[in-house]
Structure formats: structure tokens, C-alpha cells
Amino acid sequence: MNCLEFRRRLLEDPQDPALAAHRASCDACRAAALGADAFEAQLSAALQVPVPVGLGARLAVAAEAAAARRHRRRALATGFGTALAAAAALLVFWLPPPLLAAAADHVRHEPALLAAADRPAVPDAELVERLAGVGLRAVGSLGTVTYAGACHVRDQDAAHIVIDDPAGPITLLIMPSEPVGARSSFQDGALHGVLVPLGTGSMAIISDEPEKSRVAASRLASALAPT
């Protein structure tokens, strides 16, 4: 066995009996073997370090604490996300879109038109003409119409209709140049509104009570159709 082979086998297994003869005859390889023996002794001593008393229990407690912290972080994140979603929902409800805000402002600035009990019913021919002006016709009863006039909402032509409903006056703003994709509701001060798609535009149904607006919206949307 030469020195190169001895060193290779020494690294693989320092206790290999086949190394003894070369080790006894070669001072350099004997020194290398002694160094290897010393390293093995140090490694063995390092592995004999006693485990501290209670280490297992402390590790278990630490693991439980880490799990609790992760759970709290997840709960806080979930709670924050829920609160944020709720806040967004409230903003959507309480802050009307620009079109609905404009419609509410229009109604608010013409309070005299809501005095339905003091006005005679609008003749059928006049109502038909006003609806035709915004591309619509009545296919069902609107109720007792006490006002049917032309107006502007956001600088667009519109029809302003007031209905003397048994539960109180209801205002319709028919806006043929203001299309919307879906029905929506809002509150603006004392006014409650529902916006529905109608023909190529939309119609806002506004009253002083949310339920009154919702019921009227379902009835009136089906009572009107494009010409």
C-alpha cells in the first residue's frame, strides 16, 4: 500500500485494520493517522453533550407559542379584511354615484312639485307626449300622475314625473342619455332612490322612504317600454 492509497482509505475508515502495516512503516502517514484519531475523539466528545433537563418541554411550549402567534396574526388579518370590506360596503351605500346624487339634487331643488295633493291629474295625452319625448310608452298604469314635465339632469334631457302614490308622492326622473348596467339603491339625506336601466337610458325612482322607492321601482319599470 502506498501513501496515496493509505490517505484515501484513512478518510473512508480510520479504524481499517489494513492500514496498520503502512502506518507502522511510514512516519508521515502515522502522523496523519494520529491527527485523524484526535479529530474522531473530539467529534465523539462533542456528541456526548448532555441534553438539558426539561429541554423537550421548553421546545413544546415554544412551538405552541409560535403557533398561537401565527393564529393571532391570521385572525387580525382576517378581521382587518372583513372590516375593510364592511367599510367599503358602507361607502357604496352612503355615498351615491354621481348620477343618483344629481337626480336627488334635482328633486330637492323643486320641492313644490311634490305637493301632489294640490295638483290635478295630468291628462293622458300630455303624459303620452312627455313619455314619447324620452323614447318611452306606457304599457301599464303609472298611477295618478300630477306632474309631467321636461327637465335636465347633468345637462342631459330628461323627463320629470310625479306620481300621487297612496303612500306619498314619488318622483320619476327618466334619463334617456344616462345608461346604467344594473339596478342600484342609495340614500341621500332624507331622500331614498332606486336607479334602474330603462330602454337605452335609466330611470331614478325617488321618495322619502326606501321601501316605497323599491316597491315603486319594480312596478314602474314594468309599466314602461321603449317606443
Protein backbone atom coordinates (compact mmCIF):
# COMPACT_ATOMS: atom_id res chain seq x y z
CA MET A 1 0.00 0.00 0.00
CA ASN A 2 1.45 3.42 -0.94
CA CYS A 3 0.88 6.72 0.88
CA LEU A 4 -1.84 7.92 -1.51
CA GLU A 5 -3.89 4.77 -1.02
CA PHE A 6 -3.33 4.96 2.76
CA ARG A 7 -4.63 8.56 2.94
CA ARG A 8 -7.68 7.71 0.82
CA ARG A 9 -8.62 4.73 2.97
CA LEU A 10 -7.86 6.66 6.16
CA LEU A 11 -10.54 9.18 5.21
CA GLU A 12 -13.03 6.40 4.50
CA ASP A 13 -12.39 4.38 7.69
CA PRO A 14 -9.66 5.44 10.14
CA GLN A 15 -10.08 2.13 12.03
CA ASP A 16 -9.49 -0.09 8.97
CA PRO A 17 -7.05 -2.91 10.14
CA ALA A 18 -5.45 -2.96 6.68
CA LEU A 19 -3.86 0.42 7.44
CA ALA A 20 -1.79 -0.85 10.36
CA ALA A 21 1.24 -2.16 8.39
CA HIS A 22 1.77 1.03 6.35
CA ARG A 23 1.14 3.17 9.39
CA ALA A 24 3.91 1.38 11.29
CA SER A 25 6.41 1.85 8.46
CA CYS A 26 5.69 5.48 7.37
CA ASP A 27 6.24 8.37 9.78
CA ALA A 28 4.24 10.86 7.65
CA CYS A 29 1.23 8.57 7.36
CA ARG A 30 1.47 7.68 11.05
CA ALA A 31 1.24 11.42 11.90
CA ALA A 32 -1.77 11.75 9.59
CA ALA A 33 -3.42 8.79 11.29
CA LEU A 34 -2.81 10.29 14.73
CA GLY A 35 -4.43 13.53 13.57
CA ALA A 36 -7.42 11.59 12.30
CA ASP A 37 -7.69 9.76 15.61
CA ALA A 38 -7.63 13.04 17.51
CA PHE A 39 -10.39 14.51 15.31
CA GLU A 40 -12.55 11.42 15.82
CA ALA A 41 -12.07 11.74 19.60
CA GLN A 42 -13.10 15.41 19.54
CA LEU A 43 -16.15 14.63 17.42
CA SER A 44 -17.20 11.86 19.74
CA ALA A 45 -16.81 14.13 22.78
CA ALA A 46 -18.91 16.84 21.13
CA LEU A 47 -21.71 14.36 20.55
CA GLN A 48 -21.72 13.43 24.24
CA VAL A 49 -23.05 16.85 25.40
CA PRO A 50 -25.90 16.08 27.84
CA VAL A 51 -29.43 17.28 26.95
CA PRO A 52 -30.55 20.00 29.42
CA VAL A 53 -33.26 18.93 31.82
CA GLY A 54 -36.70 19.98 30.57
CA LEU A 55 -35.48 20.87 27.08
CA GLY A 56 -38.25 18.83 25.43
CA ALA A 57 -40.94 20.57 27.45
CA ARG A 58 -39.46 24.01 26.70
CA LEU A 59 -39.37 23.24 23.00
CA ALA A 60 -43.02 22.12 23.10
CA VAL A 61 -44.03 25.34 24.89
CA ALA A 62 -42.09 27.42 22.36
CA ALA A 63 -43.79 25.61 19.47
CA GLU A 64 -47.22 26.24 20.99
CA ALA A 65 -46.41 29.94 21.49
CA ALA A 66 -45.26 30.27 17.87
CA ALA A 67 -48.46 28.60 16.67
CA ALA A 68 -50.54 30.96 18.82
CA ARG A 69 -48.73 33.99 17.36
CA ARG A 70 -49.40 32.76 13.82
CA HIS A 71 -53.08 32.23 14.69
CA ARG A 72 -53.37 35.76 16.11
CA ARG A 73 -51.74 37.24 13.02
CA ARG A 74 -54.14 35.35 10.77
CA ALA A 75 -57.12 36.42 12.90
CA LEU A 76 -56.02 40.05 12.82
CA ALA A 77 -55.51 39.91 9.06
CA THR A 78 -58.94 38.32 8.57
CA GLY A 79 -60.59 40.82 10.92
CA PHE A 80 -58.93 43.75 9.16
CA GLY A 81 -60.02 42.42 5.77
CA THR A 82 -63.61 41.99 6.99
CA ALA A 83 -63.66 45.48 8.50
CA LEU A 84 -62.26 46.94 5.29
CA ALA A 85 -64.90 45.15 3.20
CA ALA A 86 -67.65 46.37 5.55
CA ALA A 87 -66.35 49.93 5.34
CA ALA A 88 -66.28 49.71 1.55
CA ALA A 89 -69.86 48.42 1.55
CA LEU A 90 -70.96 51.31 3.75
CA LEU A 91 -69.28 53.80 1.45
CA VAL A 92 -71.05 52.30 -1.55
CA PHE A 93 -74.39 52.61 0.26
CA TRP A 94 -73.99 56.04 1.81
CA LEU A 95 -72.14 57.81 -0.99
CA PRO A 96 -74.43 57.83 -4.03
CA PRO A 97 -72.93 57.58 -7.51
CA PRO A 98 -72.74 60.92 -9.36
CA LEU A 99 -75.87 60.21 -11.43
CA LEU A 100 -78.01 59.41 -8.40
CA ALA A 101 -76.61 62.37 -6.50
CA ALA A 102 -77.52 64.65 -9.41
CA ALA A 103 -81.03 63.14 -9.53
CA ALA A 104 -81.52 63.67 -5.79
CA ASP A 105 -80.30 67.26 -6.04
CA HIS A 106 -82.75 67.88 -8.89
CA VAL A 107 -85.69 66.64 -6.79
CA ARG A 108 -84.51 68.52 -3.70
CA HIS A 109 -84.42 71.83 -5.58
CA GLU A 110 -88.02 71.51 -6.80
CA PRO A 111 -89.98 70.77 -3.61
CA ALA A 112 -93.18 72.38 -4.91
CA LEU A 113 -93.60 69.51 -7.39
CA LEU A 114 -94.04 67.08 -4.51
CA ALA A 115 -97.22 68.79 -3.34
CA ALA A 116 -99.22 66.15 -5.24
CA ALA A 117 -102.50 66.63 -3.32
CA ASP A 118 -102.79 70.20 -4.59
CA ARG A 119 -102.45 69.30 -8.27
CA PRO A 120 -104.94 67.83 -10.72
CA ALA A 121 -104.04 64.67 -12.61
CA VAL A 122 -102.10 65.17 -15.83
CA PRO A 123 -104.22 64.36 -18.93
CA ASP A 124 -103.37 61.05 -20.58
CA ALA A 125 -102.47 62.75 -23.88
CA GLU A 126 -99.97 65.01 -22.13
CA LEU A 127 -98.37 62.04 -20.37
CA VAL A 128 -98.14 60.10 -23.62
CA GLU A 129 -96.42 63.06 -25.29
CA ARG A 130 -93.97 63.51 -22.45
CA LEU A 131 -93.04 59.82 -22.42
CA ALA A 132 -92.61 59.81 -26.19
CA GLY A 133 -90.18 62.68 -25.83
CA VAL A 134 -87.82 60.34 -23.97
CA GLY A 135 -88.47 57.33 -26.22
CA LEU A 136 -90.96 55.51 -24.00
CA ARG A 137 -94.61 54.47 -23.90
CA ALA A 138 -96.82 53.27 -21.06
CA VAL A 139 -97.73 49.56 -21.20
CA GLY A 140 -99.26 49.60 -17.71
CA SER A 141 -100.66 52.07 -15.21
CA LEU A 142 -98.28 54.53 -13.62
CA GLY A 143 -100.88 55.62 -11.09
CA THR A 144 -102.14 59.18 -10.66
CA VAL A 145 -99.61 61.43 -12.41
CA THR A 146 -99.76 65.00 -11.07
CA TYR A 147 -96.79 66.41 -12.98
CA ALA A 148 -95.08 65.51 -16.25
CA GLY A 149 -92.51 67.99 -17.45
CA ALA A 150 -89.20 68.23 -19.28
CA CYS A 151 -86.00 68.93 -17.37
CA HIS A 152 -82.23 68.49 -17.45
CA VAL A 153 -80.12 66.20 -15.27
CA ARG A 154 -76.35 66.60 -15.66
CA ASP A 155 -77.05 68.76 -18.73
CA GLN A 156 -78.92 65.89 -20.41
CA ASP A 157 -82.59 65.97 -21.50
CA ALA A 158 -84.85 64.14 -19.06
CA ALA A 159 -88.50 63.78 -18.08
CA HIS A 160 -89.65 64.71 -14.59
CA ILE A 161 -92.80 62.88 -13.48
CA VAL A 162 -94.51 63.00 -10.09
CA ILE A 163 -96.97 60.28 -9.04
CA ASP A 164 -99.51 60.75 -6.25
CA ASP A 165 -98.99 57.36 -4.63
CA PRO A 166 -101.26 56.33 -1.71
CA ALA A 167 -98.13 56.17 0.47
CA GLY A 168 -96.98 59.63 -0.61
CA PRO A 169 -95.53 61.37 -3.70
CA ILE A 170 -92.98 59.54 -5.83
CA THR A 171 -90.71 61.25 -8.34
CA LEU A 172 -89.53 59.65 -11.57
CA LEU A 173 -86.59 61.08 -13.44
CA ILE A 174 -86.37 59.38 -16.83
CA MET A 175 -82.91 59.95 -18.34
CA PRO A 176 -82.64 58.51 -21.87
CA SER A 177 -78.97 59.54 -22.25
CA GLU A 178 -77.76 58.02 -18.97
CA PRO A 179 -77.44 54.23 -19.43
CA VAL A 180 -76.68 52.06 -16.39
CA GLY A 181 -75.69 48.41 -16.22
CA ALA A 182 -77.71 47.27 -13.22
CA ARG A 183 -80.23 48.34 -10.60
CA SER A 184 -78.81 50.20 -7.58
CA SER A 185 -80.14 51.90 -4.44
CA PHE A 186 -78.96 54.82 -2.30
CA GLN A 187 -79.83 57.29 0.42
CA ASP A 188 -79.09 60.98 0.10
CA GLY A 189 -80.23 62.83 3.19
CA ALA A 190 -83.99 62.36 3.55
CA LEU A 191 -84.34 61.05 0.01
CA HIS A 192 -84.19 57.37 -0.94
CA GLY A 193 -83.66 56.39 -4.54
CA VAL A 194 -83.55 53.40 -6.85
CA LEU A 195 -81.89 53.59 -10.26
CA VAL A 196 -82.98 51.06 -12.89
CA PRO A 197 -81.99 50.51 -16.53
CA LEU A 198 -84.78 51.63 -18.86
CA GLY A 199 -84.57 51.44 -22.64
CA THR A 200 -81.29 52.98 -23.76
CA GLY A 201 -81.06 55.06 -20.57
CA SER A 202 -82.21 54.84 -16.98
CA MET A 203 -84.90 55.91 -14.53
CA ALA A 204 -84.48 57.13 -10.96
CA ILE A 205 -87.39 56.50 -8.57
CA ILE A 206 -87.08 58.81 -5.56
CA SER A 207 -89.20 59.13 -2.43
CA ASP A 208 -88.89 59.72 1.31
CA GLU A 209 -88.85 56.02 2.26
CA PRO A 210 -86.60 53.21 0.95
CA GLU A 211 -89.37 50.59 0.86
CA LYS A 212 -91.66 52.92 -1.07
CA SER A 213 -88.94 53.52 -3.67
CA ARG A 214 -88.17 49.80 -4.02
CA VAL A 215 -91.82 48.79 -4.48
CA ALA A 216 -92.45 51.62 -6.95
CA ALA A 217 -89.30 50.77 -8.92
CA SER A 218 -90.45 47.18 -9.52
CA ARG A 219 -93.91 48.29 -10.60
CA LEU A 220 -92.97 51.29 -12.74
CA ALA A 221 -90.08 49.64 -14.59
CA SER A 222 -92.51 47.03 -15.95
CA ALA A 223 -95.12 49.70 -16.80
CA LEU A 224 -92.86 51.47 -19.30
CA ALA A 225 -91.32 50.24 -22.52
CA PRO A 226 -89.32 51.75 -25.41
CA THR A 227 -91.39 53.15 -28.29
